[in-house]
Structure formats: C-alpha cells, structure tokens
Amino acid sequence: MRLGKGAGYSDIEVALLTEAGLVGPSTILATTVHPLQMVDGPLPESSHDFGMDLIVTPDEVIECRRRPRPTGIYWESLSAQKIDAIPFLKASAASRMRSA
C-alpha cells in the first residue's frame, strides 16, 4: 500500500511521471524490500497514495492487488513548504498561477 521514507516524495515522483504521460494504467510499479520492511495489516492511506503491483524480496515476488492510482499531482494536498522545497513543483506552481 505504501512506499518510501515518508513525506510523500515517492507519491510526487509517480504523480509527475503520470502527468508527463510516462506512467499509465498499464505501467507495472515494482519495488524491492527486505521482508522486515513489510507490514501485513491496515495502514493509514491518503488520496495521493499509490500501491505497488509487485514487491520483490530476496526470497519471493509478491503480486499485489491493483488499486486505483492518482491521476497526477493533488496540489491541494501539498503545503507551501513542500512546493517550495522541490524546484520542479515550485516552477509548476508558478506556471499554474500565471495561467489562472
């Protein structure tokens, strides 16, 4: 269900790739993890979270249930500090403001 170190950076990367047309509905999302990093059970989830299709550990490949994916950046869920910290988001936000 969740991937990354926290703070939503992985979500932002996938959202940017989706908006650029480089990740689509048929793109397989996979990651490698150590078995100790896996949790079996419910976790908090936000609208911008995305799931993996495959999880690869040293011992197995796990196929995950496909869930709906975000269609791009959910600007309303980003703080001004987050936008300011990521140059591409900062430039995109400025461009959005100019065209609004």
PDB file of N, CA and C in Angstrom:
ATOM      1  N   MET A   1       0.817  -1.197   0.000  1.00  0.00           N
ATOM      2  CA  MET A   1       0.000   0.000   0.000  1.00  0.00           C
ATOM      3  C   MET A   1       0.859   1.258   0.000  1.00  0.00           C
ATOM      4  N   ARG A   2       1.933   1.252   0.746  1.00  0.00           N
ATOM      5  CA  ARG A   2       2.737   2.468   0.877  1.00  0.00           C
ATOM      6  C   ARG A   2       4.180   2.170   0.523  1.00  0.00           C
ATOM      7  N   LEU A   3       4.854   3.199   0.064  1.00  0.00           N
ATOM      8  CA  LEU A   3       6.239   3.055  -0.361  1.00  0.00           C
ATOM      9  C   LEU A   3       6.982   4.328  -0.022  1.00  0.00           C
ATOM     10  N   GLY A   4       8.230   4.200   0.363  1.00  0.00           N
ATOM     11  CA  GLY A   4       9.064   5.378   0.569  1.00  0.00           C
ATOM     12  C   GLY A   4       9.405   5.597   2.027  1.00  0.00           C
ATOM     13  N   LYS A   5      10.107   6.690   2.251  1.00  0.00           N
ATOM     14  CA  LYS A   5      10.582   7.030   3.583  1.00  0.00           C
ATOM     15  C   LYS A   5       9.595   7.904   4.337  1.00  0.00           C
ATOM     16  N   GLY A   6       8.535   8.293   3.683  1.00  0.00           N
ATOM     17  CA  GLY A   6       7.579   9.206   4.293  1.00  0.00           C
ATOM     18  C   GLY A   6       7.657  10.563   3.618  1.00  0.00           C
ATOM     19  N   ALA A   7       6.794  11.445   3.971  1.00  0.00           N
ATOM     20  CA  ALA A   7       6.732  12.818   3.465  1.00  0.00           C
ATOM     21  C   ALA A   7       6.194  12.914   2.043  1.00  0.00           C
ATOM     22  N   GLY A   8       5.825  11.809   1.402  1.00  0.00           N
ATOM     23  CA  GLY A   8       5.140  11.845   0.123  1.00  0.00           C
ATOM     24  C   GLY A   8       5.999  12.048  -1.108  1.00  0.00           C
ATOM     25  N   TYR A   9       7.321  11.929  -0.987  1.00  0.00           N
ATOM     26  CA  TYR A   9       8.178  12.169  -2.149  1.00  0.00           C
ATOM     27  C   TYR A   9       7.984  11.121  -3.243  1.00  0.00           C
ATOM     28  N   SER A  10       7.803   9.872  -2.881  1.00  0.00           N
ATOM     29  CA  SER A  10       7.552   8.837  -3.892  1.00  0.00           C
ATOM     30  C   SER A  10       6.228   9.094  -4.600  1.00  0.00           C
ATOM     31  N   ASP A  11       5.217   9.520  -3.843  1.00  0.00           N
ATOM     32  CA  ASP A  11       3.917   9.850  -4.439  1.00  0.00           C
ATOM     33  C   ASP A  11       4.057  10.980  -5.458  1.00  0.00           C
ATOM     34  N   ILE A  12       4.849  11.985  -5.105  1.00  0.00           N
ATOM     35  CA  ILE A  12       5.053  13.120  -6.007  1.00  0.00           C
ATOM     36  C   ILE A  12       5.770  12.678  -7.274  1.00  0.00           C
ATOM     37  N   GLU A  13       6.781  11.839  -7.141  1.00  0.00           N
ATOM     38  CA  GLU A  13       7.512  11.349  -8.320  1.00  0.00           C
ATOM     39  C   GLU A  13       6.587  10.611  -9.283  1.00  0.00           C
ATOM     40  N   VAL A  14       5.776   9.701  -8.756  1.00  0.00           N
ATOM     41  CA  VAL A  14       4.854   8.945  -9.615  1.00  0.00           C
ATOM     42  C   VAL A  14       3.809   9.883 -10.216  1.00  0.00           C
ATOM     43  N   ALA A  15       3.322  10.851  -9.450  1.00  0.00           N
ATOM     44  CA  ALA A  15       2.339  11.797  -9.969  1.00  0.00           C
ATOM     45  C   ALA A  15       2.919  12.628 -11.112  1.00  0.00           C
ATOM     46  N   LEU A  16       4.156  13.087 -10.959  1.00  0.00           N
ATOM     47  CA  LEU A  16       4.797  13.859 -12.027  1.00  0.00           C
ATOM     48  C   LEU A  16       4.999  13.012 -13.277  1.00  0.00           C
ATOM     49  N   LEU A  17       5.419  11.771 -13.101  1.00  0.00           N
ATOM     50  CA  LEU A  17       5.585  10.874 -14.246  1.00  0.00           C
ATOM     51  C   LEU A  17       4.248  10.579 -14.918  1.00  0.00           C
ATOM     52  N   THR A  18       3.184  10.485 -14.126  1.00  0.00           N
ATOM     53  CA  THR A  18       1.848  10.253 -14.672  1.00  0.00           C
ATOM     54  C   THR A  18       1.399  11.462 -15.496  1.00  0.00           C
ATOM     55  N   GLU A  19       1.580  12.655 -14.932  1.00  0.00           N
ATOM     56  CA  GLU A  19       1.192  13.865 -15.659  1.00  0.00           C
ATOM     57  C   GLU A  19       1.986  14.017 -16.958  1.00  0.00           C
ATOM     58  N   ALA A  20       3.223  13.540 -16.968  1.00  0.00           N
ATOM     59  CA  ALA A  20       4.069  13.636 -18.164  1.00  0.00           C
ATOM     60  C   ALA A  20       3.760  12.534 -19.173  1.00  0.00           C
ATOM     61  N   GLY A  21       2.853  11.617 -18.821  1.00  0.00           N
ATOM     62  CA  GLY A  21       2.495  10.523 -19.712  1.00  0.00           C
ATOM     63  C   GLY A  21       3.491   9.386 -19.738  1.00  0.00           C
ATOM     64  N   LEU A  22       4.406   9.365 -18.773  1.00  0.00           N
ATOM     65  CA  LEU A  22       5.429   8.325 -18.726  1.00  0.00           C
ATOM     66  C   LEU A  22       5.022   7.134 -17.864  1.00  0.00           C
ATOM     67  N   VAL A  23       4.003   7.314 -17.039  1.00  0.00           N
ATOM     68  CA  VAL A  23       3.417   6.232 -16.249  1.00  0.00           C
ATOM     69  C   VAL A  23       1.929   6.248 -16.549  1.00  0.00           C
ATOM     70  N   GLY A  24       1.401   5.097 -16.919  1.00  0.00           N
ATOM     71  CA  GLY A  24      -0.015   4.997 -17.235  1.00  0.00           C
ATOM     72  C   GLY A  24      -0.652   3.821 -16.528  1.00  0.00           C
ATOM     73  N   PRO A  25      -1.916   3.556 -16.823  1.00  0.00           N
ATOM     74  CA  PRO A  25      -2.635   2.467 -16.163  1.00  0.00           C
ATOM     75  C   PRO A  25      -2.000   1.097 -16.364  1.00  0.00           C
ATOM     76  N   SER A  26      -1.310   0.903 -17.478  1.00  0.00           N
ATOM     77  CA  SER A  26      -0.707  -0.415 -17.725  1.00  0.00           C
ATOM     78  C   SER A  26       0.740  -0.521 -17.243  1.00  0.00           C
ATOM     79  N   THR A  27       1.295   0.580 -16.729  1.00  0.00           N
ATOM     80  CA  THR A  27       2.662   0.557 -16.210  1.00  0.00           C
ATOM     81  C   THR A  27       2.714  -0.287 -14.943  1.00  0.00           C
ATOM     82  N   ILE A  28       3.635  -1.218 -14.892  1.00  0.00           N
ATOM     83  CA  ILE A  28       3.807  -2.045 -13.692  1.00  0.00           C
ATOM     84  C   ILE A  28       4.735  -1.317 -12.738  1.00  0.00           C
ATOM     85  N   LEU A  29       4.248  -1.095 -11.517  1.00  0.00           N
ATOM     86  CA  LEU A  29       5.054  -0.465 -10.480  1.00  0.00           C
ATOM     87  C   LEU A  29       5.574  -1.558  -9.554  1.00  0.00           C
ATOM     88  N   ALA A  30       6.897  -1.594  -9.403  1.00  0.00           N
ATOM     89  CA  ALA A  30       7.525  -2.639  -8.593  1.00  0.00           C
ATOM     90  C   ALA A  30       8.570  -2.015  -7.676  1.00  0.00           C
ATOM     91  N   THR A  31       8.848  -2.690  -6.589  1.00  0.00           N
ATOM     92  CA  THR A  31       9.873  -2.241  -5.663  1.00  0.00           C
ATOM     93  C   THR A  31      10.558  -3.442  -5.033  1.00  0.00           C
ATOM     94  N   THR A  32      11.725  -3.192  -4.498  1.00  0.00           N
ATOM     95  CA  THR A  32      12.439  -4.220  -3.732  1.00  0.00           C
ATOM     96  C   THR A  32      12.425  -3.814  -2.271  1.00  0.00           C
ATOM     97  N   VAL A  33      12.242  -4.784  -1.411  1.00  0.00           N
ATOM     98  CA  VAL A  33      12.252  -4.517   0.029  1.00  0.00           C
ATOM     99  C   VAL A  33      12.848  -5.701   0.774  1.00  0.00           C
ATOM    100  N   HIS A  34      13.284  -5.441   1.963  1.00  0.00           N
ATOM    101  CA  HIS A  34      13.660  -6.503   2.884  1.00  0.00           C
ATOM    102  C   HIS A  34      12.372  -6.976   3.555  1.00  0.00           C
ATOM    103  N   PRO A  35      12.236  -8.258   3.826  1.00  0.00           N
ATOM    104  CA  PRO A  35      10.999  -8.748   4.453  1.00  0.00           C
ATOM    105  C   PRO A  35      10.627  -8.021   5.745  1.00  0.00           C
ATOM    106  N   LEU A  36      11.607  -7.505   6.473  1.00  0.00           N
ATOM    107  CA  LEU A  36      11.297  -6.792   7.711  1.00  0.00           C
ATOM    108  C   LEU A  36      10.603  -5.458   7.466  1.00  0.00           C
ATOM    109  N   GLN A  37      10.660  -4.969   6.229  1.00  0.00           N
ATOM    110  CA  GLN A  37      10.004  -3.706   5.897  1.00  0.00           C
ATOM    111  C   GLN A  37       8.531  -3.885   5.557  1.00  0.00           C
ATOM    112  N   MET A  38       8.084  -5.103   5.454  1.00  0.00           N
ATOM    113  CA  MET A  38       6.695  -5.362   5.076  1.00  0.00           C
ATOM    114  C   MET A  38       5.818  -5.455   6.310  1.00  0.00           C
ATOM    115  N   VAL A  39       4.615  -4.919   6.188  1.00  0.00           N
ATOM    116  CA  VAL A  39       3.632  -4.944   7.265  1.00  0.00           C
ATOM    117  C   VAL A  39       2.366  -5.563   6.710  1.00  0.00           C
ATOM    118  N   ASP A  40       1.825  -6.526   7.408  1.00  0.00           N
ATOM    119  CA  ASP A  40       0.569  -7.143   6.998  1.00  0.00           C
ATOM    120  C   ASP A  40      -0.541  -6.584   7.872  1.00  0.00           C
ATOM    121  N   GLY A  41      -1.392  -5.795   7.278  1.00  0.00           N
ATOM    122  CA  GLY A  41      -2.486  -5.195   8.031  1.00  0.00           C
ATOM    123  C   GLY A  41      -2.768  -3.808   7.517  1.00  0.00           C
ATOM    124  N   PRO A  42      -3.821  -3.199   8.019  1.00  0.00           N
ATOM    125  CA  PRO A  42      -4.222  -1.878   7.519  1.00  0.00           C
ATOM    126  C   PRO A  42      -3.224  -0.793   7.912  1.00  0.00           C
ATOM    127  N   LEU A  43      -3.055   0.161   7.007  1.00  0.00           N
ATOM    128  CA  LEU A  43      -2.221   1.334   7.241  1.00  0.00           C
ATOM    129  C   LEU A  43      -3.028   2.573   6.856  1.00  0.00           C
ATOM    130  N   PRO A  44      -2.696   3.723   7.439  1.00  0.00           N
ATOM    131  CA  PRO A  44      -3.390   4.944   7.011  1.00  0.00           C
ATOM    132  C   PRO A  44      -3.113   5.207   5.539  1.00  0.00           C
ATOM    133  N   GLU A  45      -4.093   5.736   4.841  1.00  0.00           N
ATOM    134  CA  GLU A  45      -3.957   5.958   3.412  1.00  0.00           C
ATOM    135  C   GLU A  45      -4.545   7.320   3.040  1.00  0.00           C
ATOM    136  N   SER A  46      -3.859   8.019   2.139  1.00  0.00           N
ATOM    137  CA  SER A  46      -4.323   9.310   1.637  1.00  0.00           C
ATOM    138  C   SER A  46      -4.691   9.177   0.165  1.00  0.00           C
ATOM    139  N   SER A  47      -5.382  10.174  -0.360  1.00  0.00           N
ATOM    140  CA  SER A  47      -5.825  10.121  -1.757  1.00  0.00           C
ATOM    141  C   SER A  47      -4.656  10.073  -2.727  1.00  0.00           C
ATOM    142  N   HIS A  48      -3.508  10.616  -2.349  1.00  0.00           N
ATOM    143  CA  HIS A  48      -2.358  10.641  -3.253  1.00  0.00           C
ATOM    144  C   HIS A  48      -1.491   9.386  -3.159  1.00  0.00           C
ATOM    145  N   ASP A  49      -1.777   8.493  -2.227  1.00  0.00           N
ATOM    146  CA  ASP A  49      -1.002   7.255  -2.095  1.00  0.00           C
ATOM    147  C   ASP A  49      -1.274   6.338  -3.283  1.00  0.00           C
ATOM    148  N   PHE A  50      -0.275   5.573  -3.655  1.00  0.00           N
ATOM    149  CA  PHE A  50      -0.426   4.604  -4.736  1.00  0.00           C
ATOM    150  C   PHE A  50       0.166   3.285  -4.268  1.00  0.00           C
ATOM    151  N   GLY A  51      -0.278   2.208  -4.861  1.00  0.00           N
ATOM    152  CA  GLY A  51       0.200   0.891  -4.477  1.00  0.00           C
ATOM    153  C   GLY A  51       1.158   0.322  -5.508  1.00  0.00           C
ATOM    154  N   MET A  52       1.847  -0.673  -5.094  1.00  0.00           N
ATOM    155  CA  MET A  52       2.759  -1.402  -5.972  1.00  0.00           C
ATOM    156  C   MET A  52       2.003  -2.547  -6.636  1.00  0.00           C
ATOM    157  N   ASP A  53       2.481  -2.940  -7.802  1.00  0.00           N
ATOM    158  CA  ASP A  53       1.953  -4.122  -8.470  1.00  0.00           C
ATOM    159  C   ASP A  53       2.751  -5.352  -8.063  1.00  0.00           C
ATOM    160  N   LEU A  54       4.047  -5.150  -7.849  1.00  0.00           N
ATOM    161  CA  LEU A  54       4.939  -6.243  -7.451  1.00  0.00           C
ATOM    162  C   LEU A  54       5.859  -5.781  -6.334  1.00  0.00           C
ATOM    163  N   ILE A  55       6.068  -6.661  -5.375  1.00  0.00           N
ATOM    164  CA  ILE A  55       7.058  -6.446  -4.322  1.00  0.00           C
ATOM    165  C   ILE A  55       8.043  -7.601  -4.412  1.00  0.00           C
ATOM    166  N   VAL A  56       9.316  -7.266  -4.510  1.00  0.00           N
ATOM    167  CA  VAL A  56      10.350  -8.290  -4.629  1.00  0.00           C
ATOM    168  C   VAL A  56      11.198  -8.271  -3.366  1.00  0.00           C
ATOM    169  N   THR A  57      11.278  -9.423  -2.716  1.00  0.00           N
ATOM    170  CA  THR A  57      12.158  -9.597  -1.560  1.00  0.00           C
ATOM    171  C   THR A  57      13.273 -10.548  -1.991  1.00  0.00           C
ATOM    172  N   PRO A  58      14.262 -10.764  -1.145  1.00  0.00           N
ATOM    173  CA  PRO A  58      15.305 -11.727  -1.517  1.00  0.00           C
ATOM    174  C   PRO A  58      14.763 -13.136  -1.773  1.00  0.00           C
ATOM    175  N   ASP A  59      13.585 -13.452  -1.226  1.00  0.00           N
ATOM    176  CA  ASP A  59      13.068 -14.813  -1.318  1.00  0.00           C
ATOM    177  C   ASP A  59      11.843 -14.994  -2.196  1.00  0.00           C
ATOM    178  N   GLU A  60      11.162 -13.903  -2.563  1.00  0.00           N
ATOM    179  CA  GLU A  60       9.917 -14.080  -3.322  1.00  0.00           C
ATOM    180  C   GLU A  60       9.524 -12.836  -4.097  1.00  0.00           C
ATOM    181  N   VAL A  61       8.628 -13.034  -5.048  1.00  0.00           N
ATOM    182  CA  VAL A  61       7.979 -11.947  -5.782  1.00  0.00           C
ATOM    183  C   VAL A  61       6.503 -12.000  -5.391  1.00  0.00           C
ATOM    184  N   ILE A  62       6.007 -10.901  -4.876  1.00  0.00           N
ATOM    185  CA  ILE A  62       4.636 -10.849  -4.380  1.00  0.00           C
ATOM    186  C   ILE A  62       3.810  -9.992  -5.325  1.00  0.00           C
ATOM    187  N   GLU A  63       2.756 -10.563  -5.872  1.00  0.00           N
ATOM    188  CA  GLU A  63       1.828  -9.797  -6.702  1.00  0.00           C
ATOM    189  C   GLU A  63       0.801  -9.141  -5.792  1.00  0.00           C
ATOM    190  N   CYS A  64       0.602  -7.845  -5.987  1.00  0.00           N
ATOM    191  CA  CYS A  64      -0.316  -7.078  -5.144  1.00  0.00           C
ATOM    192  C   CYS A  64      -1.623  -6.817  -5.872  1.00  0.00           C
ATOM    193  N   ARG A  65      -2.666  -6.648  -5.104  1.00  0.00           N
ATOM    194  CA  ARG A  65      -3.972  -6.301  -5.656  1.00  0.00           C
ATOM    195  C   ARG A  65      -3.884  -4.901  -6.260  1.00  0.00           C
ATOM    196  N   ARG A  66      -4.354  -4.758  -7.484  1.00  0.00           N
ATOM    197  CA  ARG A  66      -4.312  -3.463  -8.186  1.00  0.00           C
ATOM    198  C   ARG A  66      -5.325  -2.529  -7.572  1.00  0.00           C
ATOM    199  N   ARG A  67      -4.880  -1.339  -7.252  1.00  0.00           N
ATOM    200  CA  ARG A  67      -5.746  -0.309  -6.684  1.00  0.00           C
ATOM    201  C   ARG A  67      -5.772   0.894  -7.619  1.00  0.00           C
ATOM    202  N   PRO A  68      -6.787   1.726  -7.513  1.00  0.00           N
ATOM    203  CA  PRO A  68      -6.806   2.938  -8.341  1.00  0.00           C
ATOM    204  C   PRO A  68      -5.575   3.790  -8.044  1.00  0.00           C
ATOM    205  N   ARG A  69      -5.064   4.440  -9.086  1.00  0.00           N
ATOM    206  CA  ARG A  69      -3.886   5.289  -8.927  1.00  0.00           C
ATOM    207  C   ARG A  69      -4.275   6.750  -9.087  1.00  0.00           C
ATOM    208  N   PRO A  70      -3.544   7.621  -8.414  1.00  0.00           N
ATOM    209  CA  PRO A  70      -3.766   9.050  -8.637  1.00  0.00           C
ATOM    210  C   PRO A  70      -3.499   9.399 -10.107  1.00  0.00           C
ATOM    211  N   THR A  71      -4.175  10.404 -10.598  1.00  0.00           N
ATOM    212  CA  THR A  71      -4.035  10.793 -12.000  1.00  0.00           C
ATOM    213  C   THR A  71      -3.005  11.892 -12.210  1.00  0.00           C
ATOM    214  N   GLY A  72      -2.415  12.364 -11.139  1.00  0.00           N
ATOM    215  CA  GLY A  72      -1.405  13.419 -11.222  1.00  0.00           C
ATOM    216  C   GLY A  72      -1.199  14.035  -9.852  1.00  0.00           C
ATOM    217  N   ILE A  73      -0.620  15.224  -9.848  1.00  0.00           N
ATOM    218  CA  ILE A  73      -0.358  15.935  -8.594  1.00  0.00           C
ATOM    219  C   ILE A  73      -1.676  16.411  -7.990  1.00  0.00           C
ATOM    220  N   TYR A  74      -1.862  16.155  -6.726  1.00  0.00           N
ATOM    221  CA  TYR A  74      -3.008  16.683  -5.986  1.00  0.00           C
ATOM    222  C   TYR A  74      -2.510  17.926  -5.248  1.00  0.00           C
ATOM    223  N   TRP A  75      -2.553  19.050  -5.944  1.00  0.00           N
ATOM    224  CA  TRP A  75      -1.985  20.289  -5.439  1.00  0.00           C
ATOM    225  C   TRP A  75      -2.550  20.673  -4.083  1.00  0.00           C
ATOM    226  N   GLU A  76      -3.829  20.413  -3.874  1.00  0.00           N
ATOM    227  CA  GLU A  76      -4.458  20.817  -2.617  1.00  0.00           C
ATOM    228  C   GLU A  76      -3.889  20.086  -1.405  1.00  0.00           C
ATOM    229  N   SER A  77      -3.206  18.971  -1.637  1.00  0.00           N
ATOM    230  CA  SER A  77      -2.638  18.215  -0.509  1.00  0.00           C
ATOM    231  C   SER A  77      -1.183  18.603  -0.229  1.00  0.00           C
ATOM    232  N   LEU A  78      -0.625  19.514  -1.032  1.00  0.00           N
ATOM    233  CA  LEU A  78       0.766  19.933  -0.842  1.00  0.00           C
ATOM    234  C   LEU A  78       0.832  21.237  -0.062  1.00  0.00           C
ATOM    235  N   SER A  79       1.710  21.266   0.923  1.00  0.00           N
ATOM    236  CA  SER A  79       1.921  22.507   1.670  1.00  0.00           C
ATOM    237  C   SER A  79       2.799  23.445   0.852  1.00  0.00           C
ATOM    238  N   ALA A  80       2.755  24.716   1.187  1.00  0.00           N
ATOM    239  CA  ALA A  80       3.614  25.696   0.517  1.00  0.00           C
ATOM    240  C   ALA A  80       5.084  25.340   0.726  1.00  0.00           C
ATOM    241  N   GLN A  81       5.419  24.820   1.900  1.00  0.00           N
ATOM    242  CA  GLN A  81       6.799  24.432   2.190  1.00  0.00           C
ATOM    243  C   GLN A  81       7.246  23.284   1.287  1.00  0.00           C
ATOM    244  N   LYS A  82       6.368  22.311   1.050  1.00  0.00           N
ATOM    245  CA  LYS A  82       6.707  21.171   0.189  1.00  0.00           C
ATOM    246  C   LYS A  82       6.925  21.651  -1.247  1.00  0.00           C
ATOM    247  N   ILE A  83       6.031  22.495  -1.730  1.00  0.00           N
ATOM    248  CA  ILE A  83       6.166  23.026  -3.089  1.00  0.00           C
ATOM    249  C   ILE A  83       7.464  23.817  -3.218  1.00  0.00           C
ATOM    250  N   ASP A  84       7.759  24.630  -2.222  1.00  0.00           N
ATOM    251  CA  ASP A  84       8.966  25.454  -2.249  1.00  0.00           C
ATOM    252  C   ASP A  84      10.245  24.617  -2.187  1.00  0.00           C
ATOM    253  N   ALA A  85      10.176  23.436  -1.562  1.00  0.00           N
ATOM    254  CA  ALA A  85      11.359  22.584  -1.386  1.00  0.00           C
ATOM    255  C   ALA A  85      11.721  21.783  -2.631  1.00  0.00           C
ATOM    256  N   ILE A  86      10.792  21.682  -3.590  1.00  0.00           N
ATOM    257  CA  ILE A  86      11.025  20.869  -4.789  1.00  0.00           C
ATOM    258  C   ILE A  86      10.993  21.802  -5.996  1.00  0.00           C
ATOM    259  N   PRO A  87      12.171  22.083  -6.576  1.00  0.00           N
ATOM    260  CA  PRO A  87      12.231  23.082  -7.657  1.00  0.00           C
ATOM    261  C   PRO A  87      11.223  22.868  -8.781  1.00  0.00           C
ATOM    262  N   PHE A  88      11.020  21.644  -9.223  1.00  0.00           N
ATOM    263  CA  PHE A  88      10.074  21.408 -10.315  1.00  0.00           C
ATOM    264  C   PHE A  88       8.652  21.774  -9.899  1.00  0.00           C
ATOM    265  N   LEU A  89       8.269  21.418  -8.669  1.00  0.00           N
ATOM    266  CA  LEU A  89       6.935  21.786  -8.184  1.00  0.00           C
ATOM    267  C   LEU A  89       6.799  23.291  -8.063  1.00  0.00           C
ATOM    268  N   LYS A  90       7.849  23.942  -7.595  1.00  0.00           N
ATOM    269  CA  LYS A  90       7.823  25.395  -7.444  1.00  0.00           C
ATOM    270  C   LYS A  90       7.602  26.066  -8.802  1.00  0.00           C
ATOM    271  N   ALA A  91       8.331  25.611  -9.818  1.00  0.00           N
ATOM    272  CA  ALA A  91       8.174  26.165 -11.158  1.00  0.00           C
ATOM    273  C   ALA A  91       6.783  25.861 -11.723  1.00  0.00           C
ATOM    274  N   SER A  92       6.294  24.636 -11.497  1.00  0.00           N
ATOM    275  CA  SER A  92       4.965  24.256 -11.983  1.00  0.00           C
ATOM    276  C   SER A  92       3.877  25.075 -11.305  1.00  0.00           C
ATOM    277  N   ALA A  93       4.022  25.304 -10.011  1.00  0.00           N
ATOM    278  CA  ALA A  93       3.034  26.088  -9.275  1.00  0.00           C
ATOM    279  C   ALA A  93       3.014  27.527  -9.797  1.00  0.00           C
ATOM    280  N   ALA A  94       4.200  28.086 -10.065  1.00  0.00           N
ATOM    281  CA  ALA A  94       4.275  29.445 -10.598  1.00  0.00           C
ATOM    282  C   ALA A  94       3.619  29.510 -11.977  1.00  0.00           C
ATOM    283  N   SER A  95       3.854  28.499 -12.783  1.00  0.00           N
ATOM    284  CA  SER A  95       3.253  28.452 -14.115  1.00  0.00           C
ATOM    285  C   SER A  95       1.733  28.355 -14.027  1.00  0.00           C
ATOM    286  N   ARG A  96       1.248  27.552 -13.092  1.00  0.00           N
ATOM    287  CA  ARG A  96      -0.201  27.400 -12.893  1.00  0.00           C
ATOM    288  C   ARG A  96      -0.823  28.728 -12.473  1.00  0.00           C
ATOM    289  N   MET A  97      -0.118  29.479 -11.631  1.00  0.00           N
ATOM    290  CA  MET A  97      -0.633  30.762 -11.151  1.00  0.00           C
ATOM    291  C   MET A  97      -0.694  31.775 -12.312  1.00  0.00           C
ATOM    292  N   ARG A  98       0.309  31.751 -13.188  1.00  0.00           N
ATOM    293  CA  ARG A  98       0.326  32.679 -14.316  1.00  0.00           C
ATOM    294  C   ARG A  98      -0.811  32.378 -15.304  1.00  0.00           C
ATOM    295  N   SER A  99      -1.145  31.094 -15.463  1.00  0.00           N
ATOM    296  CA  SER A  99      -2.179  30.736 -16.437  1.00  0.00           C
ATOM    297  C   SER A  99      -3.585  30.769 -15.850  1.00  0.00           C
ATOM    298  N   ALA A 100      -3.697  30.997 -14.560  1.00  0.00           N
ATOM    299  CA  ALA A 100      -5.018  31.025 -13.903  1.00  0.00           C
ATOM    300  C   ALA A 100      -5.679  32.371 -14.040  1.00  0.00           C
TER     301      ALA A 100
END
